[in-house]
Amino acid sequence: MKFHALVLILLFACMYLSLAQGSYGNCCLGYAKEIRRKANIIRYTKQESDGDCNIKAILFTMKRRAKPVCANPNDEWVKQEIGRLDKKQQ
């Protein structure tokens, strides 16, 4: 009986550890080099490298595209698009 209880406790401990690990489903893991149709960019959000995500990124939301496009915040074209979008919102 004690053996079964120990196995059950170990099973629950393994399940807890697997659930405690971060999910990278909503994180950028790499960068797009360029976006061809920059006019289709609607807005952007910033991803910080704290918490679950490992890299800093800008996530561009596009027209007619469900998944955002990840871009390097240090690239010049990304800075230009952020400036354009910020001006558009004002």
N, C-alpha and C. Protein backbone atom coordinates (compact mmCIF):
# COMPACT_ATOMS: atom_id res chain seq x y z
N MET A 1 0.81 -1.19 0.00
CA MET A 1 0.00 0.00 0.00
C MET A 1 0.86 1.27 0.00
N LYS A 2 1.94 1.25 0.80
CA LYS A 2 2.83 2.40 0.86
C LYS A 2 3.51 2.62 -0.50
N PHE A 3 3.81 1.52 -1.17
CA PHE A 3 4.46 1.62 -2.48
C PHE A 3 3.54 2.32 -3.49
N HIS A 4 2.26 1.98 -3.48
CA HIS A 4 1.30 2.59 -4.40
C HIS A 4 1.15 4.09 -4.12
N ALA A 5 1.14 4.44 -2.84
CA ALA A 5 1.04 5.85 -2.47
C ALA A 5 2.27 6.62 -2.94
N LEU A 6 3.45 6.02 -2.80
CA LEU A 6 4.69 6.66 -3.25
C LEU A 6 4.69 6.85 -4.76
N VAL A 7 4.25 5.86 -5.50
CA VAL A 7 4.17 5.97 -6.96
C VAL A 7 3.19 7.06 -7.35
N LEU A 8 2.06 7.13 -6.67
CA LEU A 8 1.07 8.15 -6.96
C LEU A 8 1.61 9.55 -6.68
N ILE A 9 2.30 9.72 -5.59
CA ILE A 9 2.91 11.02 -5.26
C ILE A 9 3.96 11.40 -6.30
N LEU A 10 4.78 10.47 -6.71
CA LEU A 10 5.79 10.75 -7.74
C LEU A 10 5.14 11.11 -9.07
N LEU A 11 4.05 10.46 -9.40
CA LEU A 11 3.33 10.76 -10.64
C LEU A 11 2.79 12.19 -10.61
N PHE A 12 2.17 12.58 -9.50
CA PHE A 12 1.65 13.94 -9.38
C PHE A 12 2.77 14.98 -9.38
N ALA A 13 3.90 14.65 -8.78
CA ALA A 13 5.04 15.58 -8.77
C ALA A 13 5.56 15.80 -10.20
N CYS A 14 5.65 14.75 -10.98
CA CYS A 14 6.10 14.88 -12.37
C CYS A 14 5.11 15.71 -13.19
N MET A 15 3.83 15.49 -12.97
CA MET A 15 2.82 16.26 -13.70
C MET A 15 2.89 17.73 -13.32
N TYR A 16 3.08 18.03 -12.05
CA TYR A 16 3.18 19.42 -11.60
C TYR A 16 4.38 20.11 -12.22
N LEU A 17 5.52 19.43 -12.26
CA LEU A 17 6.73 20.03 -12.84
C LEU A 17 6.57 20.29 -14.33
N SER A 18 5.89 19.40 -15.03
CA SER A 18 5.70 19.60 -16.46
C SER A 18 4.76 20.77 -16.73
N LEU A 19 3.78 21.00 -15.87
CA LEU A 19 2.86 22.12 -16.03
C LEU A 19 3.49 23.44 -15.59
N ALA A 20 4.45 23.38 -14.68
CA ALA A 20 5.08 24.59 -14.16
C ALA A 20 6.03 25.21 -15.17
N GLN A 21 6.51 24.44 -16.14
CA GLN A 21 7.41 24.98 -17.15
C GLN A 21 6.65 25.95 -18.03
N GLY A 22 7.34 27.00 -18.47
CA GLY A 22 6.69 28.03 -19.28
C GLY A 22 6.25 27.52 -20.64
N SER A 23 5.24 28.15 -21.14
CA SER A 23 4.74 27.84 -22.48
C SER A 23 5.24 28.90 -23.44
N TYR A 24 5.85 28.49 -24.54
CA TYR A 24 6.38 29.43 -25.51
C TYR A 24 5.43 29.64 -26.68
N GLY A 25 4.18 29.27 -26.50
CA GLY A 25 3.21 29.40 -27.58
C GLY A 25 2.96 30.84 -28.00
N ASN A 26 3.08 31.79 -27.08
CA ASN A 26 2.81 33.18 -27.39
C ASN A 26 4.07 34.02 -27.46
N CYS A 27 5.22 33.39 -27.53
CA CYS A 27 6.49 34.11 -27.55
C CYS A 27 7.15 34.02 -28.91
N CYS A 28 7.85 35.09 -29.26
CA CYS A 28 8.68 35.07 -30.47
C CYS A 28 9.96 34.32 -30.16
N LEU A 29 10.32 33.42 -31.02
CA LEU A 29 11.56 32.67 -30.86
C LEU A 29 12.60 33.08 -31.89
N GLY A 30 12.19 33.91 -32.84
CA GLY A 30 13.10 34.40 -33.88
C GLY A 30 12.50 35.65 -34.51
N TYR A 31 13.24 36.24 -35.45
CA TYR A 31 12.83 37.49 -36.06
C TYR A 31 12.61 37.34 -37.56
N ALA A 32 11.64 38.10 -38.07
CA ALA A 32 11.48 38.22 -39.52
C ALA A 32 12.49 39.26 -40.00
N LYS A 33 13.09 39.01 -41.14
CA LYS A 33 14.09 39.95 -41.65
C LYS A 33 13.44 41.19 -42.26
N GLU A 34 12.25 41.00 -42.82
CA GLU A 34 11.58 42.11 -43.49
C GLU A 34 10.10 41.77 -43.67
N ILE A 35 9.29 42.80 -43.76
CA ILE A 35 7.87 42.65 -44.10
C ILE A 35 7.67 43.35 -45.43
N ARG A 36 7.18 42.63 -46.41
CA ARG A 36 7.05 43.21 -47.75
C ARG A 36 5.98 44.29 -47.82
N ARG A 37 4.83 44.01 -47.26
CA ARG A 37 3.71 44.97 -47.34
C ARG A 37 3.54 45.65 -45.99
N LYS A 38 4.36 46.65 -45.76
CA LYS A 38 4.33 47.36 -44.49
C LYS A 38 3.03 48.14 -44.30
N ALA A 39 2.34 48.44 -45.37
CA ALA A 39 1.06 49.15 -45.27
C ALA A 39 -0.01 48.29 -44.60
N ASN A 40 0.20 46.98 -44.55
CA ASN A 40 -0.76 46.07 -43.92
C ASN A 40 -0.58 45.95 -42.41
N ILE A 41 0.41 46.64 -41.85
CA ILE A 41 0.63 46.60 -40.41
C ILE A 41 -0.43 47.46 -39.74
N ILE A 42 -1.16 46.89 -38.78
CA ILE A 42 -2.22 47.61 -38.08
C ILE A 42 -1.69 48.23 -36.79
N ARG A 43 -0.98 47.43 -36.00
CA ARG A 43 -0.47 47.90 -34.72
C ARG A 43 0.72 47.02 -34.32
N TYR A 44 1.31 47.37 -33.18
CA TYR A 44 2.43 46.59 -32.67
C TYR A 44 2.33 46.47 -31.15
N THR A 45 2.97 45.45 -30.63
CA THR A 45 3.15 45.28 -29.19
C THR A 45 4.59 44.90 -28.93
N LYS A 46 5.03 45.15 -27.71
CA LYS A 46 6.41 44.83 -27.34
C LYS A 46 6.44 43.56 -26.51
N GLN A 47 7.41 42.72 -26.81
CA GLN A 47 7.67 41.51 -26.01
C GLN A 47 8.98 41.75 -25.27
N GLU A 48 8.94 41.66 -23.96
CA GLU A 48 10.14 41.81 -23.15
C GLU A 48 10.78 40.45 -22.93
N SER A 49 12.04 40.44 -22.55
CA SER A 49 12.76 39.18 -22.37
C SER A 49 12.69 38.68 -20.93
N ASP A 50 11.66 39.10 -20.20
CA ASP A 50 11.48 38.58 -18.85
C ASP A 50 10.27 37.64 -18.84
N GLY A 51 10.13 36.89 -17.79
CA GLY A 51 9.01 35.96 -17.72
C GLY A 51 9.23 34.75 -18.60
N ASP A 52 8.23 34.41 -19.42
CA ASP A 52 8.30 33.20 -20.23
C ASP A 52 9.11 33.37 -21.51
N CYS A 53 9.23 34.58 -22.01
CA CYS A 53 9.86 34.81 -23.32
C CYS A 53 11.34 35.12 -23.16
N ASN A 54 12.14 34.59 -24.09
CA ASN A 54 13.59 34.71 -23.97
C ASN A 54 14.21 35.88 -24.71
N ILE A 55 13.51 36.47 -25.67
CA ILE A 55 14.10 37.55 -26.46
C ILE A 55 13.17 38.76 -26.48
N LYS A 56 13.78 39.93 -26.66
CA LYS A 56 12.98 41.14 -26.88
C LYS A 56 12.55 41.14 -28.33
N ALA A 57 11.32 41.55 -28.56
CA ALA A 57 10.79 41.56 -29.92
C ALA A 57 9.65 42.56 -30.03
N ILE A 58 9.39 42.96 -31.28
CA ILE A 58 8.21 43.74 -31.61
C ILE A 58 7.30 42.82 -32.39
N LEU A 59 6.04 42.72 -31.95
CA LEU A 59 5.07 41.88 -32.63
C LEU A 59 4.15 42.78 -33.44
N PHE A 60 4.24 42.68 -34.75
CA PHE A 60 3.40 43.46 -35.65
C PHE A 60 2.14 42.67 -35.97
N THR A 61 0.98 43.31 -35.74
CA THR A 61 -0.29 42.71 -36.12
C THR A 61 -0.62 43.18 -37.53
N MET A 62 -0.93 42.22 -38.39
CA MET A 62 -1.15 42.51 -39.80
C MET A 62 -2.63 42.32 -40.15
N LYS A 63 -3.06 43.02 -41.21
CA LYS A 63 -4.39 42.77 -41.76
C LYS A 63 -4.42 41.36 -42.34
N ARG A 64 -5.51 40.68 -42.14
CA ARG A 64 -5.74 39.35 -42.73
C ARG A 64 -4.69 38.31 -42.35
N ARG A 65 -4.07 38.46 -41.21
CA ARG A 65 -3.11 37.45 -40.75
C ARG A 65 -3.34 37.25 -39.26
N ALA A 66 -3.63 36.03 -38.86
CA ALA A 66 -3.97 35.75 -37.47
C ALA A 66 -2.75 35.82 -36.56
N LYS A 67 -1.63 35.32 -37.04
CA LYS A 67 -0.43 35.26 -36.21
C LYS A 67 0.41 36.52 -36.41
N PRO A 68 0.89 37.14 -35.31
CA PRO A 68 1.71 38.34 -35.47
C PRO A 68 3.09 38.02 -36.05
N VAL A 69 3.71 39.04 -36.63
CA VAL A 69 5.05 38.91 -37.20
C VAL A 69 6.04 39.46 -36.19
N CYS A 70 7.05 38.68 -35.86
CA CYS A 70 8.05 39.07 -34.87
C CYS A 70 9.22 39.76 -35.56
N ALA A 71 9.64 40.89 -34.97
CA ALA A 71 10.73 41.65 -35.57
C ALA A 71 11.72 42.08 -34.49
N ASN A 72 12.95 42.29 -34.91
CA ASN A 72 14.02 42.73 -34.02
C ASN A 72 13.84 44.21 -33.71
N PRO A 73 13.70 44.59 -32.43
CA PRO A 73 13.49 46.00 -32.11
C PRO A 73 14.69 46.89 -32.43
N ASN A 74 15.85 46.31 -32.70
CA ASN A 74 17.04 47.10 -33.03
C ASN A 74 17.19 47.37 -34.52
N ASP A 75 16.40 46.71 -35.36
CA ASP A 75 16.48 46.93 -36.80
C ASP A 75 15.91 48.30 -37.15
N GLU A 76 16.52 48.95 -38.11
CA GLU A 76 16.11 50.31 -38.48
C GLU A 76 14.70 50.35 -39.07
N TRP A 77 14.35 49.38 -39.90
CA TRP A 77 13.01 49.38 -40.50
C TRP A 77 11.93 49.19 -39.44
N VAL A 78 12.25 48.47 -38.37
CA VAL A 78 11.30 48.26 -37.28
C VAL A 78 11.07 49.58 -36.55
N LYS A 79 12.15 50.32 -36.28
CA LYS A 79 12.04 51.62 -35.62
C LYS A 79 11.22 52.59 -36.46
N GLN A 80 11.40 52.55 -37.79
CA GLN A 80 10.64 53.42 -38.67
C GLN A 80 9.15 53.08 -38.64
N GLU A 81 8.83 51.80 -38.64
CA GLU A 81 7.42 51.39 -38.60
C GLU A 81 6.77 51.74 -37.27
N ILE A 82 7.51 51.60 -36.18
CA ILE A 82 6.98 51.99 -34.87
C ILE A 82 6.68 53.49 -34.87
N GLY A 83 7.60 54.29 -35.41
CA GLY A 83 7.38 55.73 -35.50
C GLY A 83 6.17 56.07 -36.35
N ARG A 84 6.03 55.37 -37.48
CA ARG A 84 4.88 55.61 -38.36
C ARG A 84 3.57 55.27 -37.66
N LEU A 85 3.54 54.14 -36.96
CA LEU A 85 2.32 53.72 -36.26
C LEU A 85 1.99 54.66 -35.10
N ASP A 86 3.02 55.13 -34.40
CA ASP A 86 2.79 56.05 -33.30
C ASP A 86 2.22 57.37 -33.81
N LYS A 87 2.73 57.87 -34.94
CA LYS A 87 2.21 59.09 -35.54
C LYS A 87 0.75 58.91 -35.98
N LYS A 88 0.46 57.75 -36.52
CA LYS A 88 -0.88 57.45 -37.00
C LYS A 88 -1.90 57.45 -35.86
N GLN A 89 -1.49 57.01 -34.69
CA GLN A 89 -2.39 56.94 -33.55
C GLN A 89 -2.65 58.33 -32.94
N GLN A 90 -1.74 59.26 -33.12
CA GLN A 90 -1.91 60.59 -32.51
C GLN A 90 -2.82 61.47 -33.27
